[in-house]
Amino acid sequence: MNKLDLMKKKNDSANLLEHSSRIHRNCIRINVNNGIAHEMKKTEICYRLKEAGLEFVCEAEFYGKKSGRADIFILDHEVALELVDSESEESIAKKMKKYPCRIVVMKVDQAFKEELLC
């Protein structure tokens, strides 16, 4: 994929997000409703994504009233990464129905590997 195609793909992915989320590319956004372990893992993953040259949005709000908010949305792959610690299977199932993209679920104590995104 050439640079122009990649840029178009990232912008198409960003169009799934509310405007306020689109402007926060590659910024780590903290949600105080999450635990410290959750937020530290999110920070670590964002560091790895940036290191790999990937673009992401933290606490990404999808377009539409009831579309939800992903922990991390990776624009290059159009995939939402959801970190779970004590979240129920039912909660994750609801997100899978609402989100306009593929979801990768990862436990907070699990090691991040970029291969999870493909």
N, C-alpha and C. Protein backbone atom coordinates (compact mmCIF):
# COMPACT_ATOMS: atom_id res chain seq x y z
N MET A 1 0.85 -1.18 0.00
CA MET A 1 0.00 0.00 0.00
C MET A 1 0.90 1.24 0.00
N ASN A 2 0.65 2.16 -0.93
CA ASN A 2 1.47 3.37 -0.97
C ASN A 2 0.99 4.38 0.07
N LYS A 3 1.75 5.47 0.24
CA LYS A 3 1.45 6.46 1.29
C LYS A 3 0.09 7.10 1.10
N LEU A 4 -0.27 7.40 -0.12
CA LEU A 4 -1.56 8.04 -0.39
C LEU A 4 -2.72 7.11 -0.02
N ASP A 5 -2.60 5.84 -0.39
CA ASP A 5 -3.64 4.86 -0.04
C ASP A 5 -3.76 4.70 1.47
N LEU A 6 -2.62 4.66 2.16
CA LEU A 6 -2.63 4.52 3.61
C LEU A 6 -3.26 5.74 4.27
N MET A 7 -2.94 6.93 3.78
CA MET A 7 -3.51 8.15 4.33
C MET A 7 -5.03 8.16 4.13
N LYS A 8 -5.49 7.72 2.95
CA LYS A 8 -6.93 7.65 2.68
C LYS A 8 -7.60 6.64 3.61
N LYS A 9 -6.97 5.49 3.81
CA LYS A 9 -7.53 4.48 4.71
C LYS A 9 -7.67 5.02 6.13
N LYS A 10 -6.64 5.72 6.62
CA LYS A 10 -6.69 6.29 7.96
C LYS A 10 -7.80 7.33 8.07
N ASN A 11 -7.94 8.16 7.04
CA ASN A 11 -9.00 9.18 7.07
C ASN A 11 -10.38 8.55 6.99
N ASP A 12 -10.52 7.48 6.20
CA ASP A 12 -11.80 6.77 6.14
C ASP A 12 -12.13 6.16 7.51
N SER A 13 -11.12 5.61 8.17
CA SER A 13 -11.32 5.07 9.52
C SER A 13 -11.73 6.17 10.48
N ALA A 14 -11.08 7.31 10.39
CA ALA A 14 -11.39 8.44 11.28
C ALA A 14 -12.81 8.93 11.08
N ASN A 15 -13.37 8.74 9.89
CA ASN A 15 -14.75 9.17 9.64
C ASN A 15 -15.78 8.35 10.41
N LEU A 16 -15.36 7.24 11.01
CA LEU A 16 -16.26 6.46 11.87
C LEU A 16 -16.42 7.12 13.24
N LEU A 17 -15.57 8.12 13.52
CA LEU A 17 -15.52 8.73 14.85
C LEU A 17 -16.23 10.08 14.89
N GLU A 18 -16.70 10.41 16.09
CA GLU A 18 -17.23 11.75 16.33
C GLU A 18 -16.11 12.76 16.08
N HIS A 19 -16.47 13.96 15.71
CA HIS A 19 -15.47 14.98 15.39
C HIS A 19 -14.48 15.20 16.54
N SER A 20 -14.98 15.26 17.77
CA SER A 20 -14.10 15.52 18.91
C SER A 20 -13.04 14.44 19.09
N SER A 21 -13.34 13.20 18.68
CA SER A 21 -12.35 12.12 18.77
C SER A 21 -11.35 12.19 17.63
N ARG A 22 -11.79 12.66 16.46
CA ARG A 22 -10.92 12.68 15.28
C ARG A 22 -9.71 13.58 15.46
N ILE A 23 -9.83 14.60 16.26
CA ILE A 23 -8.74 15.57 16.39
C ILE A 23 -7.67 15.13 17.39
N HIS A 24 -7.86 14.02 18.05
CA HIS A 24 -6.93 13.55 19.08
C HIS A 24 -6.11 12.35 18.63
N ARG A 25 -5.62 12.37 17.43
CA ARG A 25 -4.80 11.26 16.94
C ARG A 25 -3.48 11.21 17.70
N ASN A 26 -3.09 10.00 18.06
CA ASN A 26 -1.80 9.74 18.72
C ASN A 26 -1.64 10.46 20.06
N CYS A 27 -2.74 10.71 20.74
CA CYS A 27 -2.72 11.29 22.09
C CYS A 27 -3.29 10.26 23.05
N ILE A 28 -2.66 10.13 24.19
CA ILE A 28 -3.17 9.21 25.20
C ILE A 28 -4.18 9.98 26.04
N ARG A 29 -5.40 9.49 26.06
CA ARG A 29 -6.47 10.12 26.82
C ARG A 29 -6.84 9.18 27.97
N ILE A 30 -6.90 9.74 29.14
CA ILE A 30 -7.17 8.98 30.36
C ILE A 30 -8.65 9.07 30.70
N ASN A 31 -9.22 7.93 31.09
CA ASN A 31 -10.59 7.88 31.56
C ASN A 31 -10.52 7.47 33.04
N VAL A 32 -10.86 8.38 33.92
CA VAL A 32 -10.73 8.12 35.36
C VAL A 32 -11.70 7.06 35.86
N ASN A 33 -12.64 6.65 35.03
CA ASN A 33 -13.55 5.57 35.42
C ASN A 33 -12.89 4.20 35.32
N ASN A 34 -11.74 4.15 34.65
CA ASN A 34 -10.98 2.90 34.54
C ASN A 34 -9.97 2.83 35.68
N GLY A 35 -9.53 1.62 35.99
CA GLY A 35 -8.51 1.44 37.02
C GLY A 35 -7.13 1.83 36.52
N ILE A 36 -6.19 1.97 37.44
CA ILE A 36 -4.84 2.37 37.10
C ILE A 36 -4.15 1.32 36.21
N ALA A 37 -4.38 0.03 36.47
CA ALA A 37 -3.77 -1.01 35.65
C ALA A 37 -4.27 -0.91 34.20
N HIS A 38 -5.55 -0.63 34.04
CA HIS A 38 -6.15 -0.47 32.72
C HIS A 38 -5.48 0.70 31.98
N GLU A 39 -5.36 1.82 32.65
CA GLU A 39 -4.79 3.02 32.03
C GLU A 39 -3.30 2.87 31.73
N MET A 40 -2.58 2.18 32.59
CA MET A 40 -1.15 1.94 32.35
C MET A 40 -0.96 1.02 31.14
N LYS A 41 -1.81 0.01 31.01
CA LYS A 41 -1.73 -0.90 29.86
C LYS A 41 -2.06 -0.14 28.58
N LYS A 42 -3.06 0.71 28.64
CA LYS A 42 -3.43 1.52 27.48
C LYS A 42 -2.25 2.40 27.06
N THR A 43 -1.57 3.00 28.02
CA THR A 43 -0.41 3.84 27.74
C THR A 43 0.71 3.03 27.09
N GLU A 44 0.96 1.85 27.63
CA GLU A 44 2.00 0.97 27.07
C GLU A 44 1.69 0.60 25.62
N ILE A 45 0.44 0.24 25.36
CA ILE A 45 0.04 -0.16 24.01
C ILE A 45 0.17 1.03 23.05
N CYS A 46 -0.26 2.18 23.47
CA CYS A 46 -0.16 3.37 22.62
C CYS A 46 1.30 3.69 22.30
N TYR A 47 2.17 3.49 23.26
CA TYR A 47 3.60 3.68 23.03
C TYR A 47 4.08 2.72 21.93
N ARG A 48 3.68 1.46 22.03
CA ARG A 48 4.07 0.44 21.04
C ARG A 48 3.49 0.76 19.65
N LEU A 49 2.26 1.24 19.62
CA LEU A 49 1.64 1.59 18.34
C LEU A 49 2.39 2.75 17.69
N LYS A 50 2.69 3.77 18.46
CA LYS A 50 3.43 4.93 17.95
C LYS A 50 4.82 4.51 17.47
N GLU A 51 5.46 3.65 18.25
CA GLU A 51 6.79 3.14 17.91
C GLU A 51 6.75 2.40 16.56
N ALA A 52 5.64 1.72 16.28
CA ALA A 52 5.47 0.97 15.03
C ALA A 52 4.99 1.85 13.88
N GLY A 53 4.77 3.14 14.15
CA GLY A 53 4.33 4.06 13.11
C GLY A 53 2.85 4.00 12.81
N LEU A 54 2.06 3.44 13.73
CA LEU A 54 0.62 3.34 13.54
C LEU A 54 -0.08 4.52 14.20
N GLU A 55 -1.23 4.91 13.63
CA GLU A 55 -2.02 6.00 14.21
C GLU A 55 -3.17 5.41 15.02
N PHE A 56 -3.47 6.08 16.14
CA PHE A 56 -4.51 5.59 17.03
C PHE A 56 -5.27 6.77 17.65
N VAL A 57 -6.42 6.44 18.21
CA VAL A 57 -7.21 7.39 18.99
C VAL A 57 -7.62 6.68 20.27
N CYS A 58 -7.32 7.30 21.40
CA CYS A 58 -7.73 6.75 22.71
C CYS A 58 -9.10 7.29 23.09
N GLU A 59 -9.87 6.47 23.79
CA GLU A 59 -11.21 6.85 24.21
C GLU A 59 -11.99 7.37 22.99
N ALA A 60 -11.90 6.62 21.91
CA ALA A 60 -12.48 6.99 20.62
C ALA A 60 -13.99 6.82 20.65
N GLU A 61 -14.70 7.91 20.44
CA GLU A 61 -16.16 7.88 20.41
C GLU A 61 -16.62 7.70 18.97
N PHE A 62 -17.33 6.61 18.72
CA PHE A 62 -17.81 6.35 17.37
C PHE A 62 -19.00 7.25 17.06
N TYR A 63 -19.17 7.54 15.77
CA TYR A 63 -20.22 8.42 15.29
C TYR A 63 -21.59 7.80 15.56
N GLY A 64 -22.49 8.59 16.05
CA GLY A 64 -23.84 8.12 16.34
C GLY A 64 -24.09 8.10 17.83
N LYS A 65 -25.33 8.33 18.23
CA LYS A 65 -25.67 8.46 19.65
C LYS A 65 -25.29 7.27 20.50
N LYS A 66 -25.51 6.08 20.02
CA LYS A 66 -25.31 4.89 20.85
C LYS A 66 -24.26 3.95 20.27
N SER A 67 -23.19 4.52 19.73
CA SER A 67 -22.19 3.67 19.08
C SER A 67 -21.04 3.29 20.00
N GLY A 68 -20.92 3.92 21.12
CA GLY A 68 -19.92 3.51 22.10
C GLY A 68 -18.58 4.21 21.98
N ARG A 69 -17.69 3.84 22.91
CA ARG A 69 -16.37 4.44 23.00
C ARG A 69 -15.34 3.33 23.20
N ALA A 70 -14.39 3.26 22.29
CA ALA A 70 -13.35 2.23 22.35
C ALA A 70 -12.16 2.73 23.17
N ASP A 71 -11.51 1.81 23.88
CA ASP A 71 -10.29 2.18 24.61
C ASP A 71 -9.25 2.74 23.64
N ILE A 72 -8.98 1.99 22.58
CA ILE A 72 -8.03 2.42 21.55
C ILE A 72 -8.59 2.01 20.19
N PHE A 73 -8.62 2.96 19.27
CA PHE A 73 -9.04 2.68 17.90
C PHE A 73 -7.83 2.89 17.00
N ILE A 74 -7.39 1.82 16.32
CA ILE A 74 -6.20 1.90 15.48
C ILE A 74 -6.65 2.18 14.05
N LEU A 75 -6.32 3.37 13.58
CA LEU A 75 -6.79 3.84 12.29
C LEU A 75 -6.23 3.02 11.13
N ASP A 76 -4.98 2.60 11.22
CA ASP A 76 -4.34 1.85 10.13
C ASP A 76 -5.04 0.53 9.86
N HIS A 77 -5.60 -0.08 10.89
CA HIS A 77 -6.24 -1.39 10.75
C HIS A 77 -7.77 -1.32 10.88
N GLU A 78 -8.30 -0.15 11.20
CA GLU A 78 -9.72 0.03 11.47
C GLU A 78 -10.22 -1.03 12.45
N VAL A 79 -9.54 -1.06 13.59
CA VAL A 79 -9.87 -2.04 14.62
C VAL A 79 -9.88 -1.35 15.99
N ALA A 80 -10.86 -1.72 16.79
CA ALA A 80 -10.95 -1.21 18.16
C ALA A 80 -10.31 -2.22 19.10
N LEU A 81 -9.47 -1.73 19.98
CA LEU A 81 -8.83 -2.58 20.98
C LEU A 81 -9.49 -2.29 22.31
N GLU A 82 -10.10 -3.31 22.89
CA GLU A 82 -10.77 -3.18 24.18
C GLU A 82 -9.97 -3.91 25.24
N LEU A 83 -9.58 -3.19 26.27
CA LEU A 83 -8.85 -3.78 27.39
C LEU A 83 -9.86 -4.18 28.45
N VAL A 84 -9.75 -5.41 28.92
CA VAL A 84 -10.70 -5.88 29.93
C VAL A 84 -9.94 -6.36 31.16
N ASP A 85 -10.56 -6.06 32.28
CA ASP A 85 -10.03 -6.51 33.57
C ASP A 85 -11.14 -7.24 34.28
N SER A 86 -12.21 -6.52 34.54
CA SER A 86 -13.35 -7.13 35.23
C SER A 86 -14.63 -7.01 34.42
N GLU A 87 -14.51 -6.64 33.16
CA GLU A 87 -15.68 -6.45 32.31
C GLU A 87 -16.32 -7.79 31.97
N SER A 88 -17.63 -7.80 31.96
CA SER A 88 -18.37 -9.05 31.72
C SER A 88 -18.39 -9.41 30.23
N GLU A 89 -18.62 -10.68 29.97
CA GLU A 89 -18.76 -11.16 28.59
C GLU A 89 -19.94 -10.47 27.91
N GLU A 90 -20.99 -10.23 28.68
CA GLU A 90 -22.19 -9.57 28.16
C GLU A 90 -21.87 -8.16 27.68
N SER A 91 -21.06 -7.44 28.45
CA SER A 91 -20.67 -6.08 28.09
C SER A 91 -19.87 -6.07 26.79
N ILE A 92 -18.95 -7.00 26.65
CA ILE A 92 -18.15 -7.10 25.42
C ILE A 92 -19.03 -7.47 24.24
N ALA A 93 -19.97 -8.38 24.43
CA ALA A 93 -20.89 -8.78 23.36
C ALA A 93 -21.71 -7.59 22.87
N LYS A 94 -22.14 -6.72 23.78
CA LYS A 94 -22.89 -5.52 23.40
C LYS A 94 -22.03 -4.60 22.54
N LYS A 95 -20.77 -4.44 22.94
CA LYS A 95 -19.87 -3.59 22.18
C LYS A 95 -19.66 -4.14 20.77
N MET A 96 -19.56 -5.44 20.66
CA MET A 96 -19.34 -6.05 19.35
C MET A 96 -20.52 -5.79 18.41
N LYS A 97 -21.70 -5.64 18.96
CA LYS A 97 -22.88 -5.35 18.14
C LYS A 97 -22.94 -3.87 17.78
N LYS A 98 -22.46 -2.99 18.68
CA LYS A 98 -22.58 -1.55 18.47
C LYS A 98 -21.46 -0.94 17.64
N TYR A 99 -20.24 -1.41 17.81
CA TYR A 99 -19.10 -0.79 17.15
C TYR A 99 -19.15 -1.00 15.64
N PRO A 100 -18.78 0.00 14.86
CA PRO A 100 -18.82 -0.12 13.40
C PRO A 100 -17.54 -0.73 12.81
N CYS A 101 -16.82 -1.47 13.62
CA CYS A 101 -15.55 -2.04 13.17
C CYS A 101 -15.29 -3.34 13.94
N ARG A 102 -14.21 -3.99 13.57
CA ARG A 102 -13.79 -5.21 14.27
C ARG A 102 -13.25 -4.83 15.64
N ILE A 103 -13.46 -5.71 16.62
CA ILE A 103 -12.97 -5.49 17.98
C ILE A 103 -12.00 -6.60 18.35
N VAL A 104 -10.88 -6.19 18.94
CA VAL A 104 -9.94 -7.14 19.51
C VAL A 104 -10.00 -6.93 21.02
N VAL A 105 -10.29 -7.99 21.75
CA VAL A 105 -10.38 -7.93 23.21
C VAL A 105 -9.08 -8.45 23.79
N MET A 106 -8.54 -7.70 24.73
CA MET A 106 -7.27 -8.07 25.34
C MET A 106 -7.35 -7.86 26.84
N LYS A 107 -6.90 -8.85 27.60
CA LYS A 107 -6.88 -8.71 29.05
C LYS A 107 -5.74 -7.77 29.46
N VAL A 108 -5.97 -7.04 30.54
CA VAL A 108 -4.99 -6.06 31.01
C VAL A 108 -3.65 -6.71 31.33
N ASP A 109 -3.67 -7.97 31.78
CA ASP A 109 -2.41 -8.63 32.13
C ASP A 109 -1.78 -9.40 30.97
N GLN A 110 -2.38 -9.30 29.79
CA GLN A 110 -1.88 -9.98 28.60
C GLN A 110 -0.82 -9.10 27.90
N ALA A 111 0.19 -9.74 27.32
CA ALA A 111 1.21 -9.00 26.58
C ALA A 111 0.66 -8.57 25.22
N PHE A 112 0.94 -7.33 24.85
CA PHE A 112 0.48 -6.81 23.57
C PHE A 112 1.41 -7.28 22.45
N LYS A 113 0.79 -7.77 21.38
CA LYS A 113 1.53 -8.16 20.17
C LYS A 113 0.78 -7.56 18.99
N GLU A 114 1.51 -6.90 18.12
CA GLU A 114 0.88 -6.24 16.97
C GLU A 114 0.11 -7.22 16.10
N GLU A 115 0.50 -8.50 16.12
CA GLU A 115 -0.18 -9.52 15.33
C GLU A 115 -1.65 -9.67 15.73
N LEU A 116 -2.01 -9.26 16.95
CA LEU A 116 -3.40 -9.32 17.39
C LEU A 116 -4.31 -8.48 16.50
N LEU A 117 -3.75 -7.46 15.88
CA LEU A 117 -4.55 -6.52 15.10
C LEU A 117 -4.88 -7.01 13.71
N CYS A 118 -4.13 -7.98 13.21
CA CYS A 118 -4.32 -8.44 11.83
C CYS A 118 -5.36 -9.53 11.73
